[in-house]
Amino acid sequence: MGCGGSKAVRTKTAPAPVPVQPQTAAQPETNASQQRQQPEGKLTEETTATEGQQETQEKPETVEEDIEGPVTKEQISLVQETWGLVKSDLEQVGVEFYIRLFKENPDLLQLFSFKDIDNSTEDVMRTDDRLKRQGLVTMQHVDLAVASLNDLGSIVPALKDLGARHTMYKVEEHHFALVGGALLDTLDKGLGEKFTAEVKVAWTVVYGIVADTMKAGMKEALEA
């Protein structure tokens, strides 16, 4: 779920264009009905890490990449497995994510075109087509990131591009931490007792990687 350095990477096309802060990202492709569209607000980050050196002692293998913060194969498995438990309805997950994000950070709603739902109840927000569409697009990005965790470098260009485009939405670096927090809260509710301490750490790491990659793209765009 986020946003490194540079390496020759294969490019995956992300769907048109969620902090915690640590480091973290999704699984198979979504249903045909979950059509990918351009998000109106901000979202996620990249995925990569540096491979830890092998010592005589056995250590968890890490995925090498051009972004700080290695993620182990065990963490990748935890993220992909738990995402598979909640991704059956990406739109609903996305709506719940945004409701949490706006409830904790009401000022962020002003960055979206549907800011007129500011004083709406949660029930009304859940039926707003604009919020539902935004939620779906955002979770499709998470889904792509999770699915690409075993080949993080392949989506670095797409994540950087996504980050660059977020500069047009007036997104700032500190917003990524807020998004990460809302994502973890959403997963906590959706997974219940399966959202263990280990799972939380794994998602935090993955989201952090994604976020760092997107932030790198934002920086490059602003300095261009």
C-alpha atoms as a PDB file:
ATOM      1  CA  MET A   1       0.000   0.000   0.000  1.00  0.00           C
ATOM      2  CA  GLY A   2       4.648   3.101  -0.359  1.00  0.00           C
ATOM      3  CA  CYS A   3       6.435   5.803  -2.209  1.00  0.00           C
ATOM      4  CA  GLY A   4      14.141   5.147  -4.382  1.00  0.00           C
ATOM      5  CA  GLY A   5      17.113   4.763  -6.518  1.00  0.00           C
ATOM      6  CA  SER A   6      17.316   3.659 -10.019  1.00  0.00           C
ATOM      7  CA  LYS A   7      17.824   0.343 -11.635  1.00  0.00           C
ATOM      8  CA  ALA A   8      16.906  -1.019 -14.988  1.00  0.00           C
ATOM      9  CA  VAL A   9      13.367  -2.103 -14.376  1.00  0.00           C
ATOM     10  CA  ARG A  10      10.571  -3.536 -16.369  1.00  0.00           C
ATOM     11  CA  THR A  11       7.634  -1.229 -16.555  1.00  0.00           C
ATOM     12  CA  LYS A  12       4.113  -2.281 -15.663  1.00  0.00           C
ATOM     13  CA  THR A  13       1.320   0.000 -16.630  1.00  0.00           C
ATOM     14  CA  ALA A  14      -0.601   1.050 -13.543  1.00  0.00           C
ATOM     15  CA  PRO A  15      -4.305   1.835 -13.653  1.00  0.00           C
ATOM     16  CA  ALA A  16      -5.175   5.398 -14.367  1.00  0.00           C
ATOM     17  CA  PRO A  17      -4.381   7.803 -12.119  1.00  0.00           C
ATOM     18  CA  VAL A  18      -3.236   4.938   0.962  1.00  0.00           C
ATOM     19  CA  PRO A  19       0.568   6.100   6.136  1.00  0.00           C
ATOM     20  CA  VAL A  20       1.546   5.157   8.386  1.00  0.00           C
ATOM     21  CA  GLN A  21       4.932   6.011   7.765  1.00  0.00           C
ATOM     22  CA  PRO A  22       7.238   3.202   8.029  1.00  0.00           C
ATOM     23  CA  GLN A  23       7.700   1.422   4.852  1.00  0.00           C
ATOM     24  CA  THR A  24       5.208  -0.492   2.657  1.00  0.00           C
ATOM     25  CA  ALA A  25       1.937  -2.185  -1.021  1.00  0.00           C
ATOM     26  CA  ALA A  26      -1.175  -5.803  -3.926  1.00  0.00           C
ATOM     27  CA  GLN A  27      -2.293  -9.049  -5.451  1.00  0.00           C
ATOM     28  CA  PRO A  28      -3.957 -10.393  -8.620  1.00  0.00           C
ATOM     29  CA  GLU A  29      -5.859  -8.178 -10.955  1.00  0.00           C
ATOM     30  CA  THR A  30      -9.334  -7.012 -10.102  1.00  0.00           C
ATOM     31  CA  ASN A  31     -12.639  -8.063 -11.592  1.00  0.00           C
ATOM     32  CA  ALA A  32     -13.644  -6.752 -14.966  1.00  0.00           C
ATOM     33  CA  SER A  33     -16.456  -4.865 -13.264  1.00  0.00           C
ATOM     34  CA  GLN A  34     -13.883  -2.952 -11.242  1.00  0.00           C
ATOM     35  CA  GLN A  35     -12.927  -0.682 -14.090  1.00  0.00           C
ATOM     36  CA  ARG A  36      -9.757   1.322 -13.562  1.00  0.00           C
ATOM     37  CA  GLN A  37     -10.116   5.076 -13.623  1.00  0.00           C
ATOM     38  CA  GLN A  38      -8.171   8.232 -12.800  1.00  0.00           C
ATOM     39  CA  PRO A  39      -8.319   9.114  -9.092  1.00  0.00           C
ATOM     40  CA  GLU A  40      -9.294  12.596  -8.078  1.00  0.00           C
ATOM     41  CA  GLY A  41      -7.192  12.789  -4.943  1.00  0.00           C
ATOM     42  CA  LYS A  42      -4.028  11.284  -3.565  1.00  0.00           C
ATOM     43  CA  LEU A  43      -3.043   7.790  -2.871  1.00  0.00           C
ATOM     44  CA  THR A  44      -0.151   5.390  -2.557  1.00  0.00           C
ATOM     45  CA  GLU A  45       3.481   4.628  -3.299  1.00  0.00           C
ATOM     46  CA  GLU A  46       6.164   2.391  -4.602  1.00  0.00           C
ATOM     47  CA  THR A  47       7.763  -0.832  -3.894  1.00  0.00           C
ATOM     48  CA  THR A  48      11.365  -1.811  -3.622  1.00  0.00           C
ATOM     49  CA  ALA A  49      14.075  -2.566  -1.129  1.00  0.00           C
ATOM     50  CA  THR A  50      17.707  -3.450  -0.810  1.00  0.00           C
ATOM     51  CA  GLU A  51      18.773  -7.009  -0.512  1.00  0.00           C
ATOM     52  CA  GLY A  52      20.364  -7.818   2.833  1.00  0.00           C
ATOM     53  CA  GLN A  53      23.703  -9.519   2.799  1.00  0.00           C
ATOM     54  CA  GLN A  54      23.742 -13.205   3.600  1.00  0.00           C
ATOM     55  CA  GLU A  55      25.732 -14.131   6.655  1.00  0.00           C
ATOM     56  CA  THR A  56      26.694 -17.531   7.949  1.00  0.00           C
ATOM     57  CA  GLN A  57      23.545 -17.376  10.025  1.00  0.00           C
ATOM     58  CA  GLU A  58      20.304 -17.722   8.152  1.00  0.00           C
ATOM     59  CA  LYS A  59      18.421 -14.456   7.745  1.00  0.00           C
ATOM     60  CA  PRO A  60      15.126 -13.779   6.020  1.00  0.00           C
ATOM     61  CA  GLU A  61      15.631 -13.119   2.343  1.00  0.00           C
ATOM     62  CA  THR A  62      14.927  -9.611   1.194  1.00  0.00           C
ATOM     63  CA  VAL A  63      13.832  -8.106  -2.068  1.00  0.00           C
ATOM     64  CA  GLU A  64      16.428  -5.847  -3.595  1.00  0.00           C
ATOM     65  CA  GLU A  65      15.490  -2.500  -5.014  1.00  0.00           C
ATOM     66  CA  ASP A  66      16.324   1.113  -5.267  1.00  0.00           C
ATOM     67  CA  ILE A  67      14.418   2.201  -2.190  1.00  0.00           C
ATOM     68  CA  GLU A  68      15.415   2.063   1.407  1.00  0.00           C
ATOM     69  CA  GLY A  69      13.916  -0.424   3.782  1.00  0.00           C
ATOM     70  CA  PRO A  70      14.135  -4.119   2.892  1.00  0.00           C
ATOM     71  CA  VAL A  71      10.991  -6.184   2.976  1.00  0.00           C
ATOM     72  CA  THR A  72      11.315  -9.889   3.696  1.00  0.00           C
ATOM     73  CA  LYS A  73       9.671 -12.692   1.765  1.00  0.00           C
ATOM     74  CA  GLU A  74       7.710 -13.553   4.890  1.00  0.00           C
ATOM     75  CA  GLN A  75       6.344 -10.002   5.046  1.00  0.00           C
ATOM     76  CA  ILE A  76       5.431 -10.129   1.368  1.00  0.00           C
ATOM     77  CA  SER A  77       3.513 -13.358   1.970  1.00  0.00           C
ATOM     78  CA  LEU A  78       1.682 -11.853   4.959  1.00  0.00           C
ATOM     79  CA  VAL A  79       0.650  -8.802   2.969  1.00  0.00           C
ATOM     80  CA  GLN A  80      -0.498 -10.782  -0.048  1.00  0.00           C
ATOM     81  CA  GLU A  81      -2.355 -13.370   2.017  1.00  0.00           C
ATOM     82  CA  THR A  82      -4.198 -10.828   4.164  1.00  0.00           C
ATOM     83  CA  TRP A  83      -5.002  -8.638   1.189  1.00  0.00           C
ATOM     84  CA  GLY A  84      -6.583 -11.649  -0.442  1.00  0.00           C
ATOM     85  CA  LEU A  85      -8.981 -11.871   2.514  1.00  0.00           C
ATOM     86  CA  VAL A  86     -10.372  -8.361   2.057  1.00  0.00           C
ATOM     87  CA  LYS A  87     -10.038  -7.578  -1.657  1.00  0.00           C
ATOM     88  CA  SER A  88     -13.222  -9.277  -2.842  1.00  0.00           C
ATOM     89  CA  ASP A  89     -14.969  -5.884  -2.927  1.00  0.00           C
ATOM     90  CA  LEU A  90     -12.379  -3.209  -3.660  1.00  0.00           C
ATOM     91  CA  GLU A  91     -14.980  -0.482  -3.901  1.00  0.00           C
ATOM     92  CA  GLN A  92     -16.314  -1.136  -0.415  1.00  0.00           C
ATOM     93  CA  VAL A  93     -12.798  -1.347   1.031  1.00  0.00           C
ATOM     94  CA  GLY A  94     -11.991   1.940  -0.658  1.00  0.00           C
ATOM     95  CA  VAL A  95     -15.070   3.684   0.705  1.00  0.00           C
ATOM     96  CA  GLU A  96     -14.347   2.511   4.243  1.00  0.00           C
ATOM     97  CA  PHE A  97     -10.763   3.690   3.821  1.00  0.00           C
ATOM     98  CA  TYR A  98     -11.801   7.182   2.787  1.00  0.00           C
ATOM     99  CA  ILE A  99     -14.433   7.469   5.508  1.00  0.00           C
ATOM    100  CA  ARG A 100     -11.691   6.752   8.061  1.00  0.00           C
ATOM    101  CA  LEU A 101      -9.274   9.113   6.364  1.00  0.00           C
ATOM    102  CA  PHE A 102     -11.740  12.014   6.325  1.00  0.00           C
ATOM    103  CA  LYS A 103     -13.044  11.314   9.818  1.00  0.00           C
ATOM    104  CA  GLU A 104      -9.537  11.602  11.269  1.00  0.00           C
ATOM    105  CA  ASN A 105      -8.360  14.286   8.849  1.00  0.00           C
ATOM    106  CA  PRO A 106     -11.373  16.352   7.693  1.00  0.00           C
ATOM    107  CA  ASP A 107      -9.147  18.961   6.050  1.00  0.00           C
ATOM    108  CA  LEU A 108      -8.038  16.400   3.448  1.00  0.00           C
ATOM    109  CA  LEU A 109     -11.556  16.309   2.008  1.00  0.00           C
ATOM    110  CA  GLN A 110     -10.917  19.761   0.565  1.00  0.00           C
ATOM    111  CA  LEU A 111      -8.413  18.207  -1.846  1.00  0.00           C
ATOM    112  CA  PHE A 112     -11.178  16.290  -3.595  1.00  0.00           C
ATOM    113  CA  SER A 113     -13.902  17.367  -6.008  1.00  0.00           C
ATOM    114  CA  PHE A 114     -16.576  15.818  -3.792  1.00  0.00           C
ATOM    115  CA  LYS A 115     -15.731  18.032  -0.817  1.00  0.00           C
ATOM    116  CA  ASP A 116     -19.407  19.012  -0.620  1.00  0.00           C
ATOM    117  CA  ILE A 117     -20.048  15.793   1.322  1.00  0.00           C
ATOM    118  CA  ASP A 118     -18.193  17.413   4.227  1.00  0.00           C
ATOM    119  CA  ASN A 119     -21.182  17.468   6.568  1.00  0.00           C
ATOM    120  CA  SER A 120     -22.713  14.227   5.373  1.00  0.00           C
ATOM    121  CA  THR A 121     -23.258  11.219   7.602  1.00  0.00           C
ATOM    122  CA  GLU A 122     -21.207   8.083   7.040  1.00  0.00           C
ATOM    123  CA  ASP A 123     -24.252   6.368   5.564  1.00  0.00           C
ATOM    124  CA  VAL A 124     -24.635   9.138   2.996  1.00  0.00           C
ATOM    125  CA  MET A 125     -20.937   9.021   2.173  1.00  0.00           C
ATOM    126  CA  ARG A 126     -21.156   5.291   1.539  1.00  0.00           C
ATOM    127  CA  THR A 127     -23.731   5.882  -1.187  1.00  0.00           C
ATOM    128  CA  ASP A 128     -21.967   8.775  -2.905  1.00  0.00           C
ATOM    129  CA  ASP A 129     -20.988   7.593  -6.383  1.00  0.00           C
ATOM    130  CA  ARG A 130     -17.989   9.925  -6.538  1.00  0.00           C
ATOM    131  CA  LEU A 131     -16.547   8.599  -3.296  1.00  0.00           C
ATOM    132  CA  LYS A 132     -17.241   5.028  -4.388  1.00  0.00           C
ATOM    133  CA  ARG A 133     -15.411   5.617  -7.655  1.00  0.00           C
ATOM    134  CA  GLN A 134     -12.451   7.216  -5.881  1.00  0.00           C
ATOM    135  CA  GLY A 135     -12.330   4.365  -3.374  1.00  0.00           C
ATOM    136  CA  LEU A 136     -12.289   1.777  -6.145  1.00  0.00           C
ATOM    137  CA  VAL A 137      -9.478   3.469  -8.066  1.00  0.00           C
ATOM    138  CA  THR A 138      -7.374   3.861  -4.943  1.00  0.00           C
ATOM    139  CA  MET A 139      -7.745   0.214  -3.958  1.00  0.00           C
ATOM    140  CA  GLN A 140      -6.935  -0.856  -7.524  1.00  0.00           C
ATOM    141  CA  HIS A 141      -3.575   0.856  -7.078  1.00  0.00           C
ATOM    142  CA  VAL A 142      -3.084  -0.995  -3.788  1.00  0.00           C
ATOM    143  CA  ASP A 143      -4.065  -4.224  -5.512  1.00  0.00           C
ATOM    144  CA  LEU A 144      -1.490  -3.690  -8.255  1.00  0.00           C
ATOM    145  CA  ALA A 145       1.233  -2.900  -5.730  1.00  0.00           C
ATOM    146  CA  VAL A 146       0.480  -5.987  -3.630  1.00  0.00           C
ATOM    147  CA  ALA A 147       0.432  -8.205  -6.694  1.00  0.00           C
ATOM    148  CA  SER A 148       3.845  -6.827  -7.718  1.00  0.00           C
ATOM    149  CA  LEU A 149       5.628  -7.272  -4.391  1.00  0.00           C
ATOM    150  CA  ASN A 150       7.778 -10.109  -5.712  1.00  0.00           C
ATOM    151  CA  ASP A 151       9.057  -7.832  -8.469  1.00  0.00           C
ATOM    152  CA  LEU A 152       8.966  -4.392  -6.874  1.00  0.00           C
ATOM    153  CA  GLY A 153      11.245  -2.783  -9.407  1.00  0.00           C
ATOM    154  CA  SER A 154       8.739  -3.405 -12.171  1.00  0.00           C
ATOM    155  CA  ILE A 155       6.291  -0.831 -10.826  1.00  0.00           C
ATOM    156  CA  VAL A 156       8.741   1.863  -9.725  1.00  0.00           C
ATOM    157  CA  PRO A 157       8.184   3.935 -12.897  1.00  0.00           C
ATOM    158  CA  ALA A 158       4.406   3.716 -12.528  1.00  0.00           C
ATOM    159  CA  LEU A 159       4.532   4.692  -8.845  1.00  0.00           C
ATOM    160  CA  LYS A 160       6.837   7.616  -9.523  1.00  0.00           C
ATOM    161  CA  ASP A 161       4.524   8.781 -12.273  1.00  0.00           C
ATOM    162  CA  LEU A 162       1.565   8.488  -9.916  1.00  0.00           C
ATOM    163  CA  GLY A 163       3.441  10.529  -7.345  1.00  0.00           C
ATOM    164  CA  ALA A 164       4.319  13.170  -9.916  1.00  0.00           C
ATOM    165  CA  ARG A 165       0.668  13.531 -10.898  1.00  0.00           C
ATOM    166  CA  HIS A 166      -0.304  13.980  -7.252  1.00  0.00           C
ATOM    167  CA  THR A 167       1.510  17.298  -7.252  1.00  0.00           C
ATOM    168  CA  MET A 168      -1.418  18.590  -9.290  1.00  0.00           C
ATOM    169  CA  TYR A 169      -3.765  17.673  -6.440  1.00  0.00           C
ATOM    170  CA  LYS A 170      -1.788  19.741  -3.927  1.00  0.00           C
ATOM    171  CA  VAL A 171      -0.681  16.646  -2.077  1.00  0.00           C
ATOM    172  CA  GLU A 172       2.172  17.161   0.381  1.00  0.00           C
ATOM    173  CA  GLU A 173       4.623  14.659   1.822  1.00  0.00           C
ATOM    174  CA  HIS A 174       3.077  14.627   5.301  1.00  0.00           C
ATOM    175  CA  HIS A 175      -0.217  13.474   3.782  1.00  0.00           C
ATOM    176  CA  PHE A 176       1.268  10.037   3.112  1.00  0.00           C
ATOM    177  CA  ALA A 177       1.525   9.288   6.832  1.00  0.00           C
ATOM    178  CA  LEU A 178      -2.145  10.135   7.262  1.00  0.00           C
ATOM    179  CA  VAL A 179      -3.105   7.893   4.363  1.00  0.00           C
ATOM    180  CA  GLY A 180      -1.011   5.057   5.784  1.00  0.00           C
ATOM    181  CA  GLY A 181      -2.736   5.331   9.137  1.00  0.00           C
ATOM    182  CA  ALA A 182      -6.163   5.168   7.522  1.00  0.00           C
ATOM    183  CA  LEU A 183      -5.120   2.142   5.470  1.00  0.00           C
ATOM    184  CA  LEU A 184      -3.930   0.252   8.551  1.00  0.00           C
ATOM    185  CA  ASP A 185      -7.141   1.111  10.415  1.00  0.00           C
ATOM    186  CA  THR A 186      -9.200  -0.149   7.476  1.00  0.00           C
ATOM    187  CA  LEU A 187      -7.250  -3.407   7.342  1.00  0.00           C
ATOM    188  CA  ASP A 188      -7.573  -3.783  11.109  1.00  0.00           C
ATOM    189  CA  LYS A 189     -11.348  -3.591  10.875  1.00  0.00           C
ATOM    190  CA  GLY A 190     -11.559  -5.847   7.836  1.00  0.00           C
ATOM    191  CA  LEU A 191      -9.217  -8.547   9.117  1.00  0.00           C
ATOM    192  CA  GLY A 192     -10.183  -8.546  12.782  1.00  0.00           C
ATOM    193  CA  GLU A 193      -8.077 -10.984  14.806  1.00  0.00           C
ATOM    194  CA  LYS A 194      -6.091 -11.844  11.686  1.00  0.00           C
ATOM    195  CA  PHE A 195      -4.576  -8.363  11.794  1.00  0.00           C
ATOM    196  CA  THR A 196      -1.757  -9.479  14.058  1.00  0.00           C
ATOM    197  CA  ALA A 197       1.257  -7.448  15.128  1.00  0.00           C
ATOM    198  CA  GLU A 198       3.329  -9.201  12.460  1.00  0.00           C
ATOM    199  CA  VAL A 199       0.771  -8.388   9.777  1.00  0.00           C
ATOM    200  CA  LYS A 200       0.690  -4.751  10.843  1.00  0.00           C
ATOM    201  CA  VAL A 201       4.478  -4.483  10.629  1.00  0.00           C
ATOM    202  CA  ALA A 202       4.483  -6.123   7.195  1.00  0.00           C
ATOM    203  CA  TRP A 203       1.876  -3.693   5.838  1.00  0.00           C
ATOM    204  CA  THR A 204       3.698  -0.768   7.406  1.00  0.00           C
ATOM    205  CA  VAL A 205       6.931  -1.739   5.671  1.00  0.00           C
ATOM    206  CA  VAL A 206       5.269  -2.259   2.315  1.00  0.00           C
ATOM    207  CA  TYR A 207       3.269   0.948   2.492  1.00  0.00           C
ATOM    208  CA  GLY A 208       6.391   2.858   3.457  1.00  0.00           C
ATOM    209  CA  ILE A 209       8.201   1.605   0.366  1.00  0.00           C
ATOM    210  CA  VAL A 210       5.302   2.565  -1.871  1.00  0.00           C
ATOM    211  CA  ALA A 211       4.960   5.986  -0.258  1.00  0.00           C
ATOM    212  CA  ASP A 212       8.683   6.704  -0.531  1.00  0.00           C
ATOM    213  CA  THR A 213       8.617   5.886  -4.237  1.00  0.00           C
ATOM    214  CA  MET A 214       5.664   8.149  -4.880  1.00  0.00           C
ATOM    215  CA  LYS A 215       7.287  10.940  -2.889  1.00  0.00           C
ATOM    216  CA  ALA A 216      10.414  10.519  -4.994  1.00  0.00           C
ATOM    217  CA  GLY A 217       8.256  10.980  -8.084  1.00  0.00           C
ATOM    218  CA  MET A 218       6.676  14.098  -6.597  1.00  0.00           C
ATOM    219  CA  LYS A 219      10.091  15.564  -5.835  1.00  0.00           C
ATOM    220  CA  GLU A 220      11.370  14.880  -9.333  1.00  0.00           C
ATOM    221  CA  ALA A 221       8.290  16.507 -10.831  1.00  0.00           C
ATOM    222  CA  LEU A 222       8.632  19.619  -8.665  1.00  0.00           C
ATOM    223  CA  GLU A 223      12.322  19.969  -9.489  1.00  0.00           C
ATOM    224  CA  ALA A 224      11.864  19.443 -13.214  1.00  0.00           C
END
